[in-house]
Amino acid sequence: MSDIAPRTRTAFPPPLLTALTLTAVGLALLVFGATTAQLVPPAKAALALLGLGTAFAGASRLGKRWAGPGFDLVFWAGAGWLILLGLAIVCAPWLPLAEDRDVASTVMEPVFATPAFTGDHPLGTNAFGLDLLARSLYGARSSLVISLSAVAVGTVVGGAIGMVAGYFQKGVDRAVGIATNSLLAVPPLILLIALATVLEPHLRNVALSLALLTVPGMVRLARATTMAYANREFVVAARAMGATRTRILLRELLPNVLLPLLSLAVVMISVLIVAEASLSFLGLGIQPPEPTWGNMIAEGEGRAFEDHPHIVLVPGAFLFLTVFAFNIVGEKARGRWDSRSVKL
């Protein structure tokens, strides 16, 4: 018999307990850093970021144990932010929000109130005492309505033109290519500024102007996808059975073109949100007192941002999180729906 004693195993906490602990500690640090008034702003921000990172690491471990190693917490966080923002926008009239645009009713409200995450103004107020949380939510409504409308128009128009060019080719394809390249030759910001100086700054006009930015990309993607499927067996069989060109485009090619177009459309929404914010920041988009993220950021020009940075950081955070979420969701959709057999 051997005299060697058996090795003692070091007791490690189970992975589930570690993940739960990290998540709980991270959330506690996040709440403590965000709500504690005794800390200076840099310390609050550092503590909140530390808590957010710790909670993210713990939640990622929990998600992988629950859904497997392919669980992507960033994607689900982005999708959750978009769902939460959408619900807040829809329910905004019924939420207990402070005043967002009527300056006459905020005479007694504090101006430049700093975010406290509690009370009547959890994200602070601007120079007129208007609530930044309410303005950010109603600004999200304006930005998303404009961006979604522009993407819808650009997808329909650009997709139809691209499918016709890819199917008929020859002279039609050359004419569409010249028009598309001519539109791409104009810098987008210059084109938007030129249109904004001619059109009234209404939601419809801004949406139509931004739709022009999406048309060339949709045309190219729809054209390339149509050309890739135009000579496939099911299309040749439909043509041999006497199907009309319209039927082939709508019944055979459109279902194959639609999914790549939708995946690109999700990514384009984030581009148009930034473009709309840029126009509003320059004073060429939706005009105050109607809130948008762009004109809210413009309120911090000059010394206002140096003395009260929250009036820029609050709408900037909404803008960043929304654009980031659309990019993540769009890239995930493109990876699933775009076969990569089509090259632009």
Protein backbone atom coordinates (compact mmCIF):
# COMPACT_ATOMS: atom_id res chain seq x y z
CA MET A 1 0.00 0.00 0.00
CA SER A 2 1.15 3.46 -0.80
CA ASP A 3 1.90 5.84 2.02
CA ILE A 4 1.20 8.91 -0.16
CA ALA A 5 -1.69 10.85 1.28
CA PRO A 6 -4.43 11.85 -1.13
CA ARG A 7 -4.28 15.43 -2.34
CA THR A 8 -6.71 17.85 -0.85
CA ARG A 9 -8.76 19.82 -3.38
CA THR A 10 -9.03 23.54 -3.03
CA ALA A 11 -12.62 24.57 -2.61
CA PHE A 12 -13.70 27.01 -5.29
CA PRO A 13 -17.09 28.65 -5.36
CA PRO A 14 -19.41 27.22 -7.99
CA PRO A 15 -19.54 29.21 -11.25
CA LEU A 16 -23.19 30.10 -10.77
CA LEU A 17 -22.49 31.62 -7.35
CA THR A 18 -19.55 33.60 -8.77
CA ALA A 19 -21.69 34.99 -11.59
CA LEU A 20 -24.50 35.95 -9.20
CA THR A 21 -22.03 37.60 -6.85
CA LEU A 22 -20.40 39.64 -9.62
CA THR A 23 -23.77 40.79 -10.90
CA ALA A 24 -25.04 41.78 -7.45
CA VAL A 25 -21.83 43.61 -6.51
CA GLY A 26 -21.76 45.41 -9.85
CA LEU A 27 -25.36 46.58 -9.53
CA ALA A 28 -24.73 47.72 -5.97
CA LEU A 29 -21.69 49.76 -7.05
CA LEU A 30 -23.63 51.21 -9.98
CA VAL A 31 -26.54 52.31 -7.82
CA PHE A 32 -24.26 53.62 -5.08
CA GLY A 33 -22.15 55.62 -7.51
CA ALA A 34 -25.17 57.05 -9.30
CA THR A 35 -27.22 58.06 -6.27
CA THR A 36 -24.67 59.10 -3.62
CA ALA A 37 -24.55 62.89 -3.37
CA GLN A 38 -21.49 63.00 -1.07
CA LEU A 39 -19.08 61.94 -3.84
CA VAL A 40 -17.54 64.34 -6.32
CA PRO A 41 -18.67 63.82 -9.96
CA PRO A 42 -15.43 62.11 -11.14
CA ALA A 43 -15.61 59.63 -8.26
CA LYS A 44 -19.30 58.97 -8.94
CA ALA A 45 -18.60 58.34 -12.61
CA ALA A 46 -15.65 56.04 -11.86
CA LEU A 47 -17.64 54.05 -9.30
CA ALA A 48 -20.62 53.76 -11.63
CA LEU A 49 -18.41 52.58 -14.51
CA LEU A 50 -16.71 50.04 -12.25
CA GLY A 51 -20.11 48.74 -11.17
CA LEU A 52 -21.35 48.60 -14.75
CA GLY A 53 -18.32 46.60 -15.87
CA THR A 54 -18.61 44.18 -12.94
CA ALA A 55 -22.33 43.69 -13.50
CA PHE A 56 -21.72 43.14 -17.21
CA ALA A 57 -19.13 40.44 -16.49
CA GLY A 58 -21.45 38.67 -14.07
CA ALA A 59 -24.47 38.90 -16.36
CA SER A 60 -22.42 37.57 -19.27
CA ARG A 61 -21.45 34.51 -17.23
CA LEU A 62 -25.07 33.96 -16.22
CA GLY A 63 -26.21 34.24 -19.82
CA LYS A 64 -23.64 31.72 -21.05
CA ARG A 65 -24.67 29.24 -18.36
CA TRP A 66 -28.32 29.70 -19.27
CA ALA A 67 -28.15 29.86 -23.10
CA GLY A 68 -24.78 28.30 -23.91
CA PRO A 69 -21.39 29.66 -24.96
CA GLY A 70 -22.87 31.48 -27.94
CA PHE A 71 -24.78 33.94 -25.74
CA ASP A 72 -24.03 37.55 -26.75
CA LEU A 73 -24.81 39.90 -23.88
CA VAL A 74 -23.96 42.99 -25.93
CA PHE A 75 -26.59 42.10 -28.51
CA TRP A 76 -29.27 41.44 -25.92
CA ALA A 77 -28.37 44.61 -24.04
CA GLY A 78 -28.71 46.60 -27.27
CA ALA A 79 -32.02 44.95 -28.11
CA GLY A 80 -33.24 45.53 -24.55
CA TRP A 81 -32.31 49.22 -24.75
CA LEU A 82 -34.25 49.62 -28.00
CA ILE A 83 -37.29 47.85 -26.55
CA LEU A 84 -37.14 49.93 -23.37
CA LEU A 85 -36.73 53.16 -25.33
CA GLY A 86 -39.58 52.24 -27.64
CA LEU A 87 -41.91 51.52 -24.72
CA ALA A 88 -40.90 54.78 -23.02
CA ILE A 89 -41.60 56.74 -26.22
CA VAL A 90 -45.02 55.16 -26.70
CA CYS A 91 -45.99 55.60 -23.04
CA ALA A 92 -44.42 59.07 -22.62
CA PRO A 93 -47.77 60.96 -22.47
CA TRP A 94 -48.83 58.82 -19.53
CA LEU A 95 -45.53 58.82 -17.64
CA PRO A 96 -45.04 61.21 -14.68
CA LEU A 97 -42.62 63.44 -16.59
CA ALA A 98 -41.95 67.11 -15.95
CA GLU A 99 -42.39 69.85 -18.56
CA ASP A 100 -40.34 69.39 -21.72
CA ARG A 101 -41.07 72.43 -23.94
CA ASP A 102 -43.36 75.07 -22.35
CA VAL A 103 -40.97 77.66 -20.86
CA ALA A 104 -43.79 79.68 -19.33
CA SER A 105 -44.72 76.82 -16.99
CA THR A 106 -41.19 76.32 -15.64
CA VAL A 107 -40.63 79.74 -14.08
CA MET A 108 -40.46 78.25 -10.59
CA GLU A 109 -38.37 75.23 -11.61
CA PRO A 110 -34.61 75.14 -10.90
CA VAL A 111 -32.36 75.89 -13.87
CA PHE A 112 -29.28 73.80 -14.64
CA ALA A 113 -30.25 71.26 -11.99
CA THR A 114 -27.70 68.45 -11.94
CA PRO A 115 -28.78 64.82 -12.36
CA ALA A 116 -29.74 63.21 -9.07
CA PHE A 117 -31.58 60.11 -10.43
CA THR A 118 -34.31 60.88 -7.90
CA GLY A 119 -36.92 63.58 -7.42
CA ASP A 120 -38.83 65.52 -10.08
CA HIS A 121 -35.82 65.95 -12.37
CA PRO A 122 -33.76 62.72 -12.27
CA LEU A 123 -31.55 63.78 -15.19
CA GLY A 124 -31.49 67.50 -14.39
CA THR A 125 -32.83 70.56 -16.21
CA ASN A 126 -31.57 72.97 -18.85
CA ALA A 127 -31.21 76.75 -18.85
CA PHE A 128 -35.01 77.21 -18.91
CA GLY A 129 -35.84 74.68 -16.20
CA LEU A 130 -37.11 72.12 -18.73
CA ASP A 131 -36.71 68.50 -17.68
CA LEU A 132 -33.94 66.72 -19.60
CA LEU A 133 -35.44 63.25 -19.17
CA ALA A 134 -38.73 64.35 -20.73
CA ARG A 135 -36.93 66.23 -23.50
CA SER A 136 -34.71 63.23 -24.23
CA LEU A 137 -37.70 60.90 -24.55
CA TYR A 138 -39.69 63.26 -26.75
CA GLY A 139 -36.52 64.00 -28.69
CA ALA A 140 -36.12 60.27 -29.24
CA ARG A 141 -39.64 60.21 -30.67
CA SER A 142 -38.77 62.89 -33.23
CA SER A 143 -35.41 61.34 -34.14
CA LEU A 144 -36.77 57.81 -34.51
CA VAL A 145 -39.86 58.87 -36.47
CA ILE A 146 -37.67 60.76 -38.93
CA SER A 147 -35.08 57.98 -39.21
CA LEU A 148 -37.57 55.13 -39.54
CA SER A 149 -39.62 57.04 -42.13
CA ALA A 150 -36.51 57.90 -44.13
CA VAL A 151 -35.26 54.30 -44.06
CA ALA A 152 -38.68 52.99 -45.08
CA VAL A 153 -38.88 55.35 -48.06
CA GLY A 154 -35.28 54.68 -49.07
CA THR A 155 -35.71 50.91 -48.78
CA VAL A 156 -38.86 50.82 -50.91
CA VAL A 157 -37.60 53.22 -53.58
CA GLY A 158 -34.00 52.01 -53.68
CA GLY A 159 -34.97 48.35 -53.49
CA ALA A 160 -37.45 48.67 -56.37
CA ILE A 161 -34.98 50.55 -58.57
CA GLY A 162 -32.16 48.12 -57.78
CA MET A 163 -34.29 45.05 -58.54
CA VAL A 164 -35.38 46.49 -61.89
CA ALA A 165 -31.79 47.38 -62.78
CA GLY A 166 -30.46 43.97 -61.71
CA TYR A 167 -33.12 42.02 -63.57
CA PHE A 168 -33.29 43.91 -66.87
CA GLN A 169 -29.60 45.00 -66.89
CA LYS A 170 -28.24 46.49 -70.17
CA GLY A 171 -29.46 50.06 -70.73
CA VAL A 172 -31.60 50.21 -67.60
CA ASP A 173 -28.67 49.09 -65.46
CA ARG A 174 -26.35 51.66 -67.01
CA ALA A 175 -28.84 54.50 -66.49
CA VAL A 176 -29.42 53.51 -62.85
CA GLY A 177 -25.67 53.19 -62.28
CA ILE A 178 -25.01 56.69 -63.60
CA ALA A 179 -27.76 58.17 -61.42
CA THR A 180 -26.58 56.28 -58.33
CA ASN A 181 -22.94 57.28 -58.80
CA SER A 182 -23.97 60.91 -59.37
CA LEU A 183 -25.86 60.90 -56.08
CA LEU A 184 -22.92 59.29 -54.28
CA ALA A 185 -20.56 61.93 -55.69
CA VAL A 186 -22.24 64.66 -53.63
CA PRO A 187 -21.01 64.80 -50.00
CA PRO A 188 -23.96 63.78 -47.77
CA LEU A 189 -23.68 66.72 -45.38
CA ILE A 190 -23.51 69.23 -48.24
CA LEU A 191 -26.57 67.63 -49.83
CA LEU A 192 -28.52 67.77 -46.57
CA ILE A 193 -27.57 71.40 -45.93
CA ALA A 194 -28.63 72.34 -49.47
CA LEU A 195 -31.99 70.59 -49.07
CA ALA A 196 -32.51 72.05 -45.60
CA THR A 197 -32.06 75.60 -46.90
CA VAL A 198 -34.76 75.03 -49.54
CA LEU A 199 -37.32 72.96 -47.60
CA GLU A 200 -39.19 73.89 -44.45
CA PRO A 201 -37.81 72.16 -41.32
CA HIS A 202 -40.78 69.82 -40.83
CA LEU A 203 -40.67 66.14 -39.94
CA ARG A 204 -41.80 65.13 -43.42
CA ASN A 205 -39.26 67.29 -45.25
CA VAL A 206 -36.36 66.21 -43.04
CA ALA A 207 -37.34 62.55 -43.50
CA LEU A 208 -37.49 62.89 -47.28
CA SER A 209 -34.12 64.63 -47.33
CA LEU A 210 -32.53 61.87 -45.27
CA ALA A 211 -34.17 59.21 -47.46
CA LEU A 212 -31.92 60.33 -50.32
CA LEU A 213 -28.92 59.12 -48.31
CA THR A 214 -30.27 55.57 -48.13
CA VAL A 215 -31.33 55.17 -51.76
CA PRO A 216 -27.87 54.56 -53.35
CA GLY A 217 -26.90 51.85 -50.86
CA MET A 218 -30.26 50.12 -51.21
CA VAL A 219 -30.04 50.30 -55.01
CA ARG A 220 -26.61 48.68 -55.05
CA LEU A 221 -27.55 45.92 -52.61
CA ALA A 222 -30.86 45.14 -54.34
CA ARG A 223 -29.19 45.16 -57.77
CA ALA A 224 -26.36 42.84 -56.70
CA THR A 225 -28.70 40.43 -54.93
CA THR A 226 -31.10 40.36 -57.89
CA MET A 227 -28.27 39.61 -60.30
CA ALA A 228 -27.09 36.79 -58.04
CA TYR A 229 -30.54 35.14 -58.08
CA ALA A 230 -31.73 36.07 -61.59
CA ASN A 231 -30.27 32.92 -63.18
CA ARG A 232 -31.06 30.48 -60.38
CA GLU A 233 -33.10 27.37 -61.16
CA PHE A 234 -36.39 28.55 -59.66
CA VAL A 235 -36.27 31.80 -61.65
CA VAL A 236 -35.42 29.98 -64.91
CA ALA A 237 -38.25 27.51 -64.23
CA ALA A 238 -40.73 30.31 -63.60
CA ARG A 239 -39.66 32.04 -66.81
CA ALA A 240 -39.99 28.77 -68.77
CA MET A 241 -43.52 28.27 -67.42
CA GLY A 242 -44.55 31.62 -68.87
CA ALA A 243 -44.49 33.78 -65.71
CA THR A 244 -44.50 37.50 -66.38
CA ARG A 245 -41.59 39.73 -65.42
CA THR A 246 -43.65 41.38 -62.72
CA ARG A 247 -44.54 38.02 -61.19
CA ILE A 248 -40.91 36.89 -61.27
CA LEU A 249 -39.77 40.10 -59.57
CA LEU A 250 -42.45 40.00 -56.88
CA ARG A 251 -42.87 36.28 -56.24
CA GLU A 252 -39.44 34.81 -56.96
CA LEU A 253 -36.84 37.53 -56.43
CA LEU A 254 -38.35 39.85 -53.81
CA PRO A 255 -38.33 37.30 -50.93
CA ASN A 256 -34.60 36.72 -51.53
CA VAL A 257 -33.79 40.43 -51.79
CA LEU A 258 -35.91 41.56 -48.85
CA LEU A 259 -33.92 40.09 -45.97
CA PRO A 260 -30.55 41.62 -46.96
CA LEU A 261 -32.31 44.96 -47.50
CA LEU A 262 -33.90 44.81 -44.05
CA SER A 263 -30.59 44.00 -42.38
CA LEU A 264 -28.95 46.98 -44.09
CA ALA A 265 -31.95 49.14 -43.17
CA VAL A 266 -31.40 48.48 -39.47
CA VAL A 267 -27.80 49.69 -39.77
CA MET A 268 -28.89 52.71 -41.83
CA ILE A 269 -31.25 53.80 -39.05
CA SER A 270 -28.26 54.57 -36.84
CA VAL A 271 -26.61 56.55 -39.65
CA LEU A 272 -29.73 58.64 -40.16
CA ILE A 273 -30.14 59.29 -36.43
CA VAL A 274 -26.66 60.85 -36.43
CA ALA A 275 -27.44 62.77 -39.64
CA GLU A 276 -30.66 64.16 -38.19
CA ALA A 277 -28.88 65.14 -34.99
CA SER A 278 -26.22 66.92 -37.04
CA LEU A 279 -28.84 68.94 -38.92
CA SER A 280 -30.61 69.88 -35.69
CA PHE A 281 -27.30 70.81 -34.08
CA LEU A 282 -26.56 73.17 -36.98
CA GLY A 283 -30.03 74.71 -36.68
CA LEU A 284 -31.24 73.26 -39.99
CA GLY A 285 -33.45 70.48 -38.60
CA ILE A 286 -36.38 70.49 -36.20
CA GLN A 287 -36.51 73.84 -34.45
CA PRO A 288 -36.90 74.47 -30.70
CA PRO A 289 -38.97 74.25 -28.57
CA GLU A 290 -39.63 70.89 -30.25
CA PRO A 291 -36.90 68.73 -28.68
CA THR A 292 -34.51 66.57 -30.65
CA TRP A 293 -31.19 65.19 -29.50
CA GLY A 294 -29.36 67.47 -31.90
CA ASN A 295 -30.82 70.80 -30.72
CA MET A 296 -30.53 69.62 -27.11
CA ILE A 297 -26.79 69.12 -27.60
CA ALA A 298 -26.63 72.53 -29.28
CA GLU A 299 -27.87 74.10 -26.03
CA GLY A 300 -24.47 73.35 -24.51
CA GLU A 301 -22.49 75.57 -26.89
CA GLY A 302 -20.12 78.02 -25.27
CA ARG A 303 -19.55 78.16 -21.55
CA ALA A 304 -22.78 76.30 -20.81
CA PHE A 305 -21.04 72.99 -21.42
CA GLU A 306 -18.05 73.95 -19.27
CA ASP A 307 -20.24 74.93 -16.33
CA HIS A 308 -23.07 72.42 -16.78
CA PRO A 309 -21.85 69.46 -18.83
CA HIS A 310 -24.93 67.36 -18.10
CA ILE A 311 -27.08 69.32 -20.59
CA VAL A 312 -24.89 67.85 -23.34
CA LEU A 313 -24.03 64.49 -21.76
CA VAL A 314 -27.65 63.46 -21.16
CA PRO A 315 -28.87 63.72 -24.78
CA GLY A 316 -25.43 62.58 -25.94
CA ALA A 317 -25.80 59.40 -23.86
CA PHE A 318 -29.24 58.72 -25.35
CA LEU A 319 -27.84 59.29 -28.85
CA PHE A 320 -24.79 57.09 -28.26
CA LEU A 321 -26.71 54.18 -26.72
CA THR A 322 -29.37 54.21 -29.44
CA VAL A 323 -26.90 54.36 -32.33
CA PHE A 324 -24.72 51.69 -30.70
CA ALA A 325 -27.75 49.42 -30.17
CA PHE A 326 -28.93 49.78 -33.77
CA ASN A 327 -25.43 49.01 -35.04
CA ILE A 328 -25.16 45.88 -32.90
CA VAL A 329 -28.62 44.61 -33.83
CA GLY A 330 -28.07 45.47 -37.50
CA GLU A 331 -24.73 43.67 -37.68
CA LYS A 332 -26.29 40.62 -36.05
CA ALA A 333 -29.11 40.71 -38.60
CA ARG A 334 -26.67 41.04 -41.49
CA GLY A 335 -24.68 38.09 -40.23
CA ARG A 336 -27.82 35.96 -40.18
CA TRP A 337 -29.70 37.19 -43.25
CA ASP A 338 -26.95 38.24 -45.64
CA SER A 339 -25.48 35.16 -47.23
CA ARG A 340 -22.24 37.00 -48.12
CA SER A 341 -22.52 35.50 -51.56
CA VAL A 342 -23.45 38.94 -52.77
CA LYS A 343 -20.59 41.36 -53.01
CA LEU A 344 -21.28 45.06 -53.32
